[in-house]
Amino acid sequence: MHEYYFYMDLSHEQCMAYYHGHVEFIQVVEDGGKRVRFPAHHIRRHVSTLGVRGRFRLLLDENNRFVALEKVV
């Protein structure tokens, strides 16, 4: 299992680009400096009226398939 920690700060307008079909993937830079890309629909449960803000942990399986995206307190 691979895990990546990163901070995400997306405005409400940036999140709406996903809902309108203009954004398919989210790319972030994890704490170690590696760029990680995952399907944008995984942010859906984290979107608020302000957008998406906070520290997250992305879990991928051994084949780099999505397992979970969790907000870290």
N, C-alpha and C. Protein backbone atom coordinates (compact mmCIF):
# COMPACT_ATOMS: atom_id res chain seq x y z
N MET A 1 0.85 -1.18 0.00
CA MET A 1 0.00 0.00 0.00
C MET A 1 0.89 1.24 0.00
N HIS A 2 0.55 2.21 -0.83
CA HIS A 2 1.28 3.48 -0.90
C HIS A 2 0.41 4.56 -0.28
N GLU A 3 1.02 5.46 0.48
CA GLU A 3 0.26 6.58 1.03
C GLU A 3 1.02 7.87 0.77
N TYR A 4 0.26 8.91 0.43
CA TYR A 4 0.83 10.21 0.11
C TYR A 4 0.08 11.27 0.91
N TYR A 5 0.83 12.17 1.53
CA TYR A 5 0.25 13.27 2.30
C TYR A 5 0.48 14.57 1.53
N PHE A 6 -0.53 15.42 1.52
CA PHE A 6 -0.42 16.69 0.81
C PHE A 6 -1.49 17.66 1.31
N TYR A 7 -1.29 18.93 1.00
CA TYR A 7 -2.26 19.97 1.31
C TYR A 7 -2.97 20.33 0.02
N MET A 8 -4.28 20.45 0.06
CA MET A 8 -5.05 20.82 -1.12
C MET A 8 -5.87 22.06 -0.81
N ASP A 9 -5.84 23.02 -1.71
CA ASP A 9 -6.60 24.26 -1.55
C ASP A 9 -7.21 24.60 -2.91
N LEU A 10 -8.44 24.16 -3.11
CA LEU A 10 -9.17 24.42 -4.35
C LEU A 10 -10.35 25.33 -4.05
N SER A 11 -10.50 26.38 -4.82
CA SER A 11 -11.64 27.30 -4.63
C SER A 11 -12.93 26.61 -5.08
N HIS A 12 -14.03 27.21 -4.70
CA HIS A 12 -15.32 26.69 -5.12
C HIS A 12 -15.41 26.68 -6.66
N GLU A 13 -14.89 27.72 -7.29
CA GLU A 13 -14.91 27.81 -8.75
C GLU A 13 -14.08 26.70 -9.39
N GLN A 14 -12.93 26.39 -8.81
CA GLN A 14 -12.11 25.30 -9.32
C GLN A 14 -12.84 23.96 -9.20
N CYS A 15 -13.55 23.77 -8.11
CA CYS A 15 -14.32 22.53 -7.92
C CYS A 15 -15.48 22.46 -8.92
N MET A 16 -16.07 23.59 -9.24
CA MET A 16 -17.18 23.61 -10.19
C MET A 16 -16.71 23.19 -11.59
N ALA A 17 -15.44 23.44 -11.91
CA ALA A 17 -14.91 23.00 -13.20
C ALA A 17 -15.01 21.48 -13.31
N TYR A 18 -14.83 20.78 -12.21
CA TYR A 18 -15.00 19.32 -12.20
C TYR A 18 -16.47 18.97 -12.46
N TYR A 19 -17.37 19.63 -11.75
CA TYR A 19 -18.79 19.31 -11.90
C TYR A 19 -19.29 19.58 -13.31
N HIS A 20 -18.68 20.55 -13.99
CA HIS A 20 -19.09 20.88 -15.37
C HIS A 20 -18.36 20.02 -16.40
N GLY A 21 -17.51 19.12 -15.96
CA GLY A 21 -16.83 18.20 -16.86
C GLY A 21 -15.56 18.73 -17.49
N HIS A 22 -15.05 19.87 -16.99
CA HIS A 22 -13.84 20.46 -17.56
C HIS A 22 -12.56 19.89 -16.95
N VAL A 23 -12.67 19.26 -15.80
CA VAL A 23 -11.50 18.71 -15.11
C VAL A 23 -11.74 17.22 -14.86
N GLU A 24 -10.81 16.41 -15.30
CA GLU A 24 -10.95 14.96 -15.12
C GLU A 24 -10.03 14.43 -14.03
N PHE A 25 -8.86 15.07 -13.85
CA PHE A 25 -7.89 14.62 -12.86
C PHE A 25 -7.43 15.77 -11.98
N ILE A 26 -7.04 15.43 -10.76
CA ILE A 26 -6.43 16.36 -9.82
C ILE A 26 -4.97 15.95 -9.70
N GLN A 27 -4.08 16.91 -9.80
CA GLN A 27 -2.65 16.63 -9.63
C GLN A 27 -2.16 17.44 -8.44
N VAL A 28 -1.48 16.77 -7.53
CA VAL A 28 -0.95 17.42 -6.33
C VAL A 28 0.52 17.08 -6.19
N VAL A 29 1.20 17.85 -5.36
CA VAL A 29 2.58 17.55 -5.02
C VAL A 29 2.57 17.10 -3.58
N GLU A 30 2.95 15.84 -3.35
CA GLU A 30 2.93 15.31 -1.99
C GLU A 30 4.13 15.82 -1.22
N ASP A 31 4.12 15.60 0.09
CA ASP A 31 5.14 16.16 0.99
C ASP A 31 6.57 15.85 0.56
N GLY A 32 6.80 14.73 -0.09
CA GLY A 32 8.15 14.35 -0.53
C GLY A 32 8.56 14.98 -1.85
N GLY A 33 7.66 15.76 -2.47
CA GLY A 33 7.97 16.43 -3.72
C GLY A 33 7.51 15.69 -4.97
N LYS A 34 6.92 14.51 -4.80
CA LYS A 34 6.46 13.72 -5.94
C LYS A 34 5.09 14.22 -6.40
N ARG A 35 4.91 14.30 -7.72
CA ARG A 35 3.60 14.67 -8.27
C ARG A 35 2.73 13.42 -8.35
N VAL A 36 1.51 13.55 -7.86
CA VAL A 36 0.57 12.43 -7.84
C VAL A 36 -0.73 12.91 -8.48
N ARG A 37 -1.29 12.08 -9.36
CA ARG A 37 -2.52 12.42 -10.07
C ARG A 37 -3.57 11.37 -9.78
N PHE A 38 -4.80 11.83 -9.55
CA PHE A 38 -5.91 10.90 -9.30
C PHE A 38 -7.19 11.47 -9.90
N PRO A 39 -8.18 10.62 -10.19
CA PRO A 39 -9.44 11.08 -10.78
C PRO A 39 -10.14 12.10 -9.89
N ALA A 40 -10.62 13.18 -10.50
CA ALA A 40 -11.22 14.29 -9.76
C ALA A 40 -12.48 13.90 -9.00
N HIS A 41 -13.19 12.86 -9.44
CA HIS A 41 -14.43 12.52 -8.75
C HIS A 41 -14.20 12.08 -7.30
N HIS A 42 -12.96 11.77 -6.94
CA HIS A 42 -12.68 11.36 -5.56
C HIS A 42 -12.70 12.53 -4.57
N ILE A 43 -12.72 13.76 -5.06
CA ILE A 43 -12.79 14.90 -4.13
C ILE A 43 -14.23 15.23 -3.76
N ARG A 44 -15.19 14.64 -4.45
CA ARG A 44 -16.60 15.02 -4.29
C ARG A 44 -17.05 15.10 -2.83
N ARG A 45 -16.73 14.13 -2.02
CA ARG A 45 -17.22 14.13 -0.63
C ARG A 45 -16.54 15.18 0.24
N HIS A 46 -15.47 15.80 -0.28
CA HIS A 46 -14.73 16.80 0.49
C HIS A 46 -15.05 18.24 0.07
N VAL A 47 -15.90 18.42 -0.94
CA VAL A 47 -16.22 19.75 -1.45
C VAL A 47 -17.24 20.42 -0.53
N SER A 48 -16.93 21.67 -0.15
CA SER A 48 -17.86 22.47 0.65
C SER A 48 -18.17 23.75 -0.13
N THR A 49 -18.90 24.65 0.46
CA THR A 49 -19.20 25.92 -0.21
C THR A 49 -17.95 26.75 -0.43
N LEU A 50 -16.90 26.46 0.31
CA LEU A 50 -15.62 27.17 0.14
C LEU A 50 -14.70 26.47 -0.86
N GLY A 51 -15.03 25.26 -1.24
CA GLY A 51 -14.18 24.47 -2.12
C GLY A 51 -13.62 23.28 -1.37
N VAL A 52 -12.35 22.99 -1.58
CA VAL A 52 -11.67 21.90 -0.85
C VAL A 52 -10.41 22.49 -0.25
N ARG A 53 -10.33 22.43 1.07
CA ARG A 53 -9.15 22.94 1.75
C ARG A 53 -8.79 22.00 2.88
N GLY A 54 -7.48 21.73 2.99
CA GLY A 54 -7.03 20.92 4.10
C GLY A 54 -5.92 19.98 3.72
N ARG A 55 -5.53 19.22 4.71
CA ARG A 55 -4.46 18.23 4.56
C ARG A 55 -5.12 16.88 4.31
N PHE A 56 -4.57 16.13 3.35
CA PHE A 56 -5.17 14.87 2.93
C PHE A 56 -4.14 13.76 2.87
N ARG A 57 -4.66 12.55 2.94
CA ARG A 57 -3.86 11.34 2.75
C ARG A 57 -4.52 10.55 1.63
N LEU A 58 -3.73 10.25 0.60
CA LEU A 58 -4.18 9.45 -0.52
C LEU A 58 -3.59 8.05 -0.38
N LEU A 59 -4.44 7.05 -0.41
CA LEU A 59 -4.01 5.65 -0.32
C LEU A 59 -4.20 4.97 -1.67
N LEU A 60 -3.14 4.32 -2.14
CA LEU A 60 -3.17 3.55 -3.37
C LEU A 60 -2.73 2.12 -3.08
N ASP A 61 -3.26 1.17 -3.83
CA ASP A 61 -2.84 -0.21 -3.62
C ASP A 61 -1.50 -0.47 -4.32
N GLU A 62 -1.06 -1.70 -4.30
CA GLU A 62 0.24 -2.08 -4.86
C GLU A 62 0.31 -1.82 -6.37
N ASN A 63 -0.85 -1.77 -7.04
CA ASN A 63 -0.91 -1.51 -8.48
C ASN A 63 -1.22 -0.04 -8.78
N ASN A 64 -1.06 0.80 -7.76
CA ASN A 64 -1.34 2.24 -7.86
C ASN A 64 -2.79 2.54 -8.19
N ARG A 65 -3.69 1.69 -7.76
CA ARG A 65 -5.12 1.93 -7.91
C ARG A 65 -5.64 2.61 -6.66
N PHE A 66 -6.60 3.50 -6.85
CA PHE A 66 -7.17 4.28 -5.76
C PHE A 66 -7.79 3.38 -4.70
N VAL A 67 -7.50 3.68 -3.44
CA VAL A 67 -8.11 3.00 -2.31
C VAL A 67 -8.95 4.00 -1.52
N ALA A 68 -8.36 5.14 -1.13
CA ALA A 68 -9.09 6.13 -0.34
C ALA A 68 -8.41 7.49 -0.39
N LEU A 69 -9.22 8.53 -0.20
CA LEU A 69 -8.73 9.89 0.00
C LEU A 69 -9.36 10.36 1.30
N GLU A 70 -8.51 10.60 2.29
CA GLU A 70 -8.99 10.95 3.63
C GLU A 70 -8.47 12.31 4.04
N LYS A 71 -9.35 13.09 4.66
CA LYS A 71 -8.90 14.36 5.23
C LYS A 71 -8.23 14.07 6.56
N VAL A 72 -7.06 14.65 6.75
CA VAL A 72 -6.27 14.43 7.96
C VAL A 72 -6.43 15.66 8.85
N VAL A 73 -6.75 15.43 10.09
CA VAL A 73 -6.95 16.55 11.02
C VAL A 73 -5.63 17.02 11.60
